[in-house]
Each structure stands twice: as structure tokens, then as C-alpha cells.
Amino acid sequence: MQLKIQLLNRKAQLPTRGSPNAAGLDLYANFEGTEFQQLGYQDIKGNERSSIRTGIAVEIPEGYFGWLASRSGLAKKLGGNLLAGVIDNDYRGEIVVIMQNHSLETFRINQGDRIGQLVIIPCLILEPIAVDELSATIRGAEGFGSTGT
């Protein structure tokens, strides 16, 4: 199966895999056509978040969705994660990564840095229906911490 990817500008990079069996495709920062184009970088201050453009759009096959996930190296440096991670299969716009810097220090993203991963996941489209009650389970409605530590 193939994933169709549109490069939206001359500096956009095709996503890559870190290894042949990597679940995610690495996404690259792209500042072409943005306020950061001349600088070639974008800073994210401590405890702030910022949108980072990728310069690509994708055509996710029907029956799947895209999940934007943090790269472990950046998660370690930023002490943070990516936000708003779902890409529906009917979305055709540019993929933009929302990155949260949970550290106290400013973090710099340079043009071409790997900023996240795109994971393609199967998706069941279920019809929601209202019911009077749900089937019983051993756990029931017990929530946070109810299964032990």
C-alpha cells in the first residue's frame, strides 16, 4: 500500500522512516512561505506551544487515519509532546504540527529538523446510538486507579 504525499513548496521533504520497520514516518519542519523563512528557524519558548509547518499534504486511504506522534528525541529535549494529533482521511490540507515545550528553556527548530511522526492507523467508523444501559463487566464504571498500581 502506498501513501500519496504532495510536496507543497520547493523546500518540502518527503517523510522518511528511521528504520525499515518504523511505525511512523518522520516529518520535517518547513518554513518556506512563513514569517520564519528568512531566519531558517523557529524558537519555542519555555512552557509555550507553537505551530510548525511541514510543507506536505497527504491522501490517507479510506479506512485509515493519521496520528501525529512525538519523536522520542524531541520529547526528551522538550519534555513535551505534540498536540491535536488526528488527521482524518478526507483532509487534504498541509500537515501542521502543534508542539508543546514543557521545559523552561527556549527550544529551536531549524528548517529540515524532524519534528514528529505520522503513523497511519486503521479506523472503524461506527454509528453512535443511544441505549438505556451498557453490558456488565467485572470493572464496571470504576475509573482512575481502579485496577491497581
C-alpha atoms as a PDB file:
ATOM      1  CA  MET A   1       0.000   0.000   0.000  1.00  0.00           C
ATOM      2  CA  GLN A   2       1.233   3.493  -0.778  1.00  0.00           C
ATOM      3  CA  LEU A   3       0.665   6.877   0.866  1.00  0.00           C
ATOM      4  CA  LYS A   4       0.269   9.729  -1.612  1.00  0.00           C
ATOM      5  CA  ILE A   5       2.133  12.837  -0.450  1.00  0.00           C
ATOM      6  CA  GLN A   6       2.029  16.253  -2.077  1.00  0.00           C
ATOM      7  CA  LEU A   7       5.085  18.486  -1.619  1.00  0.00           C
ATOM      8  CA  LEU A   8       3.623  21.983  -1.291  1.00  0.00           C
ATOM      9  CA  ASN A   9       6.788  24.023  -1.851  1.00  0.00           C
ATOM     10  CA  ARG A  10      10.392  23.702  -3.006  1.00  0.00           C
ATOM     11  CA  LYS A  11      11.827  23.023   0.491  1.00  0.00           C
ATOM     12  CA  ALA A  12       9.238  20.426   1.495  1.00  0.00           C
ATOM     13  CA  GLN A  13      10.680  16.987   2.243  1.00  0.00           C
ATOM     14  CA  LEU A  14       9.116  13.602   1.702  1.00  0.00           C
ATOM     15  CA  PRO A  15       8.637  11.907   5.116  1.00  0.00           C
ATOM     16  CA  THR A  16      11.101   9.118   5.880  1.00  0.00           C
ATOM     17  CA  ARG A  17      11.343   6.110   8.175  1.00  0.00           C
ATOM     18  CA  GLY A  18      14.138   5.920  10.727  1.00  0.00           C
ATOM     19  CA  SER A  19      14.378   2.177  10.084  1.00  0.00           C
ATOM     20  CA  PRO A  20      12.655  -0.233   7.662  1.00  0.00           C
ATOM     21  CA  ASN A  21      10.130  -1.347  10.291  1.00  0.00           C
ATOM     22  CA  ALA A  22       9.493   2.022  11.960  1.00  0.00           C
ATOM     23  CA  ALA A  23       5.765   2.564  12.567  1.00  0.00           C
ATOM     24  CA  GLY A  24       5.960   6.309  11.981  1.00  0.00           C
ATOM     25  CA  LEU A  25       7.113   8.466   9.099  1.00  0.00           C
ATOM     26  CA  ASP A  26       9.354  11.308  10.274  1.00  0.00           C
ATOM     27  CA  LEU A  27       8.018  14.765   9.389  1.00  0.00           C
ATOM     28  CA  TYR A  28      10.310  17.720   8.687  1.00  0.00           C
ATOM     29  CA  ALA A  29       9.996  21.395   9.649  1.00  0.00           C
ATOM     30  CA  ASN A  30       9.373  23.637   6.656  1.00  0.00           C
ATOM     31  CA  PHE A  31       9.437  27.426   6.933  1.00  0.00           C
ATOM     32  CA  GLU A  32       9.045  28.201   3.223  1.00  0.00           C
ATOM     33  CA  GLY A  33       6.440  30.949   2.802  1.00  0.00           C
ATOM     34  CA  THR A  34       6.194  31.659   6.545  1.00  0.00           C
ATOM     35  CA  GLU A  35       7.423  34.501   8.744  1.00  0.00           C
ATOM     36  CA  PHE A  36      10.391  32.266   9.692  1.00  0.00           C
ATOM     37  CA  GLN A  37      11.599  31.681   6.099  1.00  0.00           C
ATOM     38  CA  GLN A  38      14.404  34.269   6.238  1.00  0.00           C
ATOM     39  CA  LEU A  39      15.598  33.116   9.659  1.00  0.00           C
ATOM     40  CA  GLY A  40      15.533  29.418   8.783  1.00  0.00           C
ATOM     41  CA  TYR A  41      14.422  28.536  12.309  1.00  0.00           C
ATOM     42  CA  GLN A  42      11.590  28.957  14.782  1.00  0.00           C
ATOM     43  CA  ASP A  43      12.017  29.245  18.547  1.00  0.00           C
ATOM     44  CA  ILE A  44       9.520  27.801  21.025  1.00  0.00           C
ATOM     45  CA  LYS A  45       9.847  29.485  24.405  1.00  0.00           C
ATOM     46  CA  GLY A  46       9.656  27.515  27.640  1.00  0.00           C
ATOM     47  CA  ASN A  47       6.153  26.427  28.638  1.00  0.00           C
ATOM     48  CA  GLU A  48       4.735  27.593  25.308  1.00  0.00           C
ATOM     49  CA  ARG A  49       3.413  25.879  22.209  1.00  0.00           C
ATOM     50  CA  SER A  50       3.808  26.691  18.547  1.00  0.00           C
ATOM     51  CA  SER A  51       2.597  25.516  15.157  1.00  0.00           C
ATOM     52  CA  ILE A  52       5.331  24.097  12.916  1.00  0.00           C
ATOM     53  CA  ARG A  53       4.566  23.675   9.217  1.00  0.00           C
ATOM     54  CA  THR A  54       5.680  20.622   7.236  1.00  0.00           C
ATOM     55  CA  GLY A  55       5.062  21.729   3.644  1.00  0.00           C
ATOM     56  CA  ILE A  56       3.251  18.480   2.816  1.00  0.00           C
ATOM     57  CA  ALA A  57      -0.294  17.236   2.376  1.00  0.00           C
ATOM     58  CA  VAL A  58      -1.286  13.557   2.369  1.00  0.00           C
ATOM     59  CA  GLU A  59      -4.008  11.366   0.931  1.00  0.00           C
ATOM     60  CA  ILE A  60      -4.719   8.840   3.663  1.00  0.00           C
ATOM     61  CA  PRO A  61      -6.526   5.747   2.327  1.00  0.00           C
ATOM     62  CA  GLU A  62     -10.155   5.153   3.243  1.00  0.00           C
ATOM     63  CA  GLY A  63     -10.473   3.054   6.396  1.00  0.00           C
ATOM     64  CA  TYR A  64      -7.411   4.699   7.993  1.00  0.00           C
ATOM     65  CA  PHE A  65      -6.493   7.912   9.808  1.00  0.00           C
ATOM     66  CA  GLY A  66      -3.207   9.637  10.553  1.00  0.00           C
ATOM     67  CA  TRP A  67      -1.872  10.101  14.072  1.00  0.00           C
ATOM     68  CA  LEU A  68       0.768  12.741  14.777  1.00  0.00           C
ATOM     69  CA  ALA A  69       3.111  11.416  17.437  1.00  0.00           C
ATOM     70  CA  SER A  70       6.140  12.875  19.188  1.00  0.00           C
ATOM     71  CA  ARG A  71       9.626  11.749  18.284  1.00  0.00           C
ATOM     72  CA  SER A  72      11.311  10.330  21.365  1.00  0.00           C
ATOM     73  CA  GLY A  73      14.422  12.520  20.986  1.00  0.00           C
ATOM     74  CA  LEU A  74      12.415  15.740  20.852  1.00  0.00           C
ATOM     75  CA  ALA A  75      10.146  14.562  23.649  1.00  0.00           C
ATOM     76  CA  LYS A  76      13.234  14.072  25.792  1.00  0.00           C
ATOM     77  CA  LYS A  77      14.661  17.514  24.911  1.00  0.00           C
ATOM     78  CA  LEU A  78      11.358  19.393  25.197  1.00  0.00           C
ATOM     79  CA  GLY A  79       9.897  17.339  27.983  1.00  0.00           C
ATOM     80  CA  GLY A  80       6.739  17.637  25.956  1.00  0.00           C
ATOM     81  CA  ASN A  81       4.646  16.311  23.158  1.00  0.00           C
ATOM     82  CA  LEU A  82       2.667  17.072  20.041  1.00  0.00           C
ATOM     83  CA  LEU A  83      -0.905  18.247  20.378  1.00  0.00           C
ATOM     84  CA  ALA A  84      -4.020  17.750  18.198  1.00  0.00           C
ATOM     85  CA  GLY A  85      -2.791  14.525  16.652  1.00  0.00           C
ATOM     86  CA  VAL A  86      -5.642  13.176  14.467  1.00  0.00           C
ATOM     87  CA  ILE A  87      -5.647  13.620  10.680  1.00  0.00           C
ATOM     88  CA  ASP A  88      -8.865  12.409   9.063  1.00  0.00           C
ATOM     89  CA  ASN A  89      -8.602  10.593   5.740  1.00  0.00           C
ATOM     90  CA  ASP A  90     -10.647  13.261   3.953  1.00  0.00           C
ATOM     91  CA  TYR A  91      -8.315  16.145   4.988  1.00  0.00           C
ATOM     92  CA  ARG A  92      -6.124  17.383   2.126  1.00  0.00           C
ATOM     93  CA  GLY A  93      -4.521  20.474   3.637  1.00  0.00           C
ATOM     94  CA  GLU A  94      -0.986  20.986   4.882  1.00  0.00           C
ATOM     95  CA  ILE A  95       0.057  18.958   7.904  1.00  0.00           C
ATOM     96  CA  VAL A  96       0.918  21.352  10.718  1.00  0.00           C
ATOM     97  CA  VAL A  97       2.440  20.045  13.934  1.00  0.00           C
ATOM     98  CA  ILE A  98       1.500  21.748  17.205  1.00  0.00           C
ATOM     99  CA  MET A  99       4.477  21.353  19.508  1.00  0.00           C
ATOM    100  CA  GLN A 100       4.388  21.992  23.260  1.00  0.00           C
ATOM    101  CA  ASN A 101       7.624  22.920  25.043  1.00  0.00           C
ATOM    102  CA  HIS A 102       7.203  21.778  28.657  1.00  0.00           C
ATOM    103  CA  SER A 103      10.740  22.761  29.634  1.00  0.00           C
ATOM    104  CA  LEU A 104      11.744  26.179  30.976  1.00  0.00           C
ATOM    105  CA  GLU A 105      14.263  26.831  28.200  1.00  0.00           C
ATOM    106  CA  THR A 106      13.660  28.062  24.654  1.00  0.00           C
ATOM    107  CA  PHE A 107      13.957  25.310  22.073  1.00  0.00           C
ATOM    108  CA  ARG A 108      14.973  25.989  18.464  1.00  0.00           C
ATOM    109  CA  ILE A 109      13.502  24.155  15.478  1.00  0.00           C
ATOM    110  CA  ASN A 110      15.612  24.551  12.328  1.00  0.00           C
ATOM    111  CA  GLN A 111      14.494  24.220   8.720  1.00  0.00           C
ATOM    112  CA  GLY A 112      14.551  20.495   7.906  1.00  0.00           C
ATOM    113  CA  ASP A 113      14.576  19.247  11.526  1.00  0.00           C
ATOM    114  CA  ARG A 114      12.497  16.133  12.183  1.00  0.00           C
ATOM    115  CA  ILE A 115       9.612  17.394  14.304  1.00  0.00           C
ATOM    116  CA  GLY A 116       7.214  14.486  14.685  1.00  0.00           C
ATOM    117  CA  GLN A 117       5.954  11.252  13.214  1.00  0.00           C
ATOM    118  CA  LEU A 118       2.943  10.416  11.115  1.00  0.00           C
ATOM    119  CA  VAL A 119       1.520   6.987  11.943  1.00  0.00           C
ATOM    120  CA  ILE A 120      -1.236   5.573   9.713  1.00  0.00           C
ATOM    121  CA  ILE A 121      -3.764   3.559  11.747  1.00  0.00           C
ATOM    122  CA  PRO A 122      -6.840   1.507  10.757  1.00  0.00           C
ATOM    123  CA  CYS A 123     -10.103   3.224  11.699  1.00  0.00           C
ATOM    124  CA  LEU A 124     -13.548   1.746  12.271  1.00  0.00           C
ATOM    125  CA  ILE A 125     -16.345   4.194  11.515  1.00  0.00           C
ATOM    126  CA  LEU A 126     -19.105   3.231  13.970  1.00  0.00           C
ATOM    127  CA  GLU A 127     -22.584   4.719  14.158  1.00  0.00           C
ATOM    128  CA  PRO A 128     -23.303   6.087  17.645  1.00  0.00           C
ATOM    129  CA  ILE A 129     -26.649   5.015  19.109  1.00  0.00           C
ATOM    130  CA  ALA A 130     -28.248   5.841  22.452  1.00  0.00           C
ATOM    131  CA  VAL A 131     -29.008   2.885  24.757  1.00  0.00           C
ATOM    132  CA  ASP A 132     -30.595   2.603  28.201  1.00  0.00           C
ATOM    133  CA  GLU A 133     -27.681   0.598  29.618  1.00  0.00           C
ATOM    134  CA  LEU A 134     -24.378  -0.997  28.694  1.00  0.00           C
ATOM    135  CA  SER A 135     -23.324  -4.611  29.181  1.00  0.00           C
ATOM    136  CA  ALA A 136     -21.864  -5.501  32.582  1.00  0.00           C
ATOM    137  CA  THR A 137     -18.142  -6.122  33.154  1.00  0.00           C
ATOM    138  CA  ILE A 138     -16.024  -7.002  36.197  1.00  0.00           C
ATOM    139  CA  ARG A 139     -14.606  -3.468  36.277  1.00  0.00           C
ATOM    140  CA  GLY A 140     -17.899  -1.711  35.661  1.00  0.00           C
ATOM    141  CA  ALA A 141     -17.764   2.070  35.977  1.00  0.00           C
ATOM    142  CA  GLU A 142     -14.722   2.173  38.282  1.00  0.00           C
ATOM    143  CA  GLY A 143     -12.252   4.697  36.843  1.00  0.00           C
ATOM    144  CA  PHE A 144      -8.847   6.132  37.651  1.00  0.00           C
ATOM    145  CA  GLY A 145      -6.634   3.751  39.596  1.00  0.00           C
ATOM    146  CA  SER A 146      -9.327   1.130  39.988  1.00  0.00           C
ATOM    147  CA  THR A 147      -7.219  -1.680  38.510  1.00  0.00           C
ATOM    148  CA  GLY A 148      -4.305  -1.131  40.913  1.00  0.00           C
ATOM    149  CA  THR A 149      -0.875   0.459  40.610  1.00  0.00           C
END
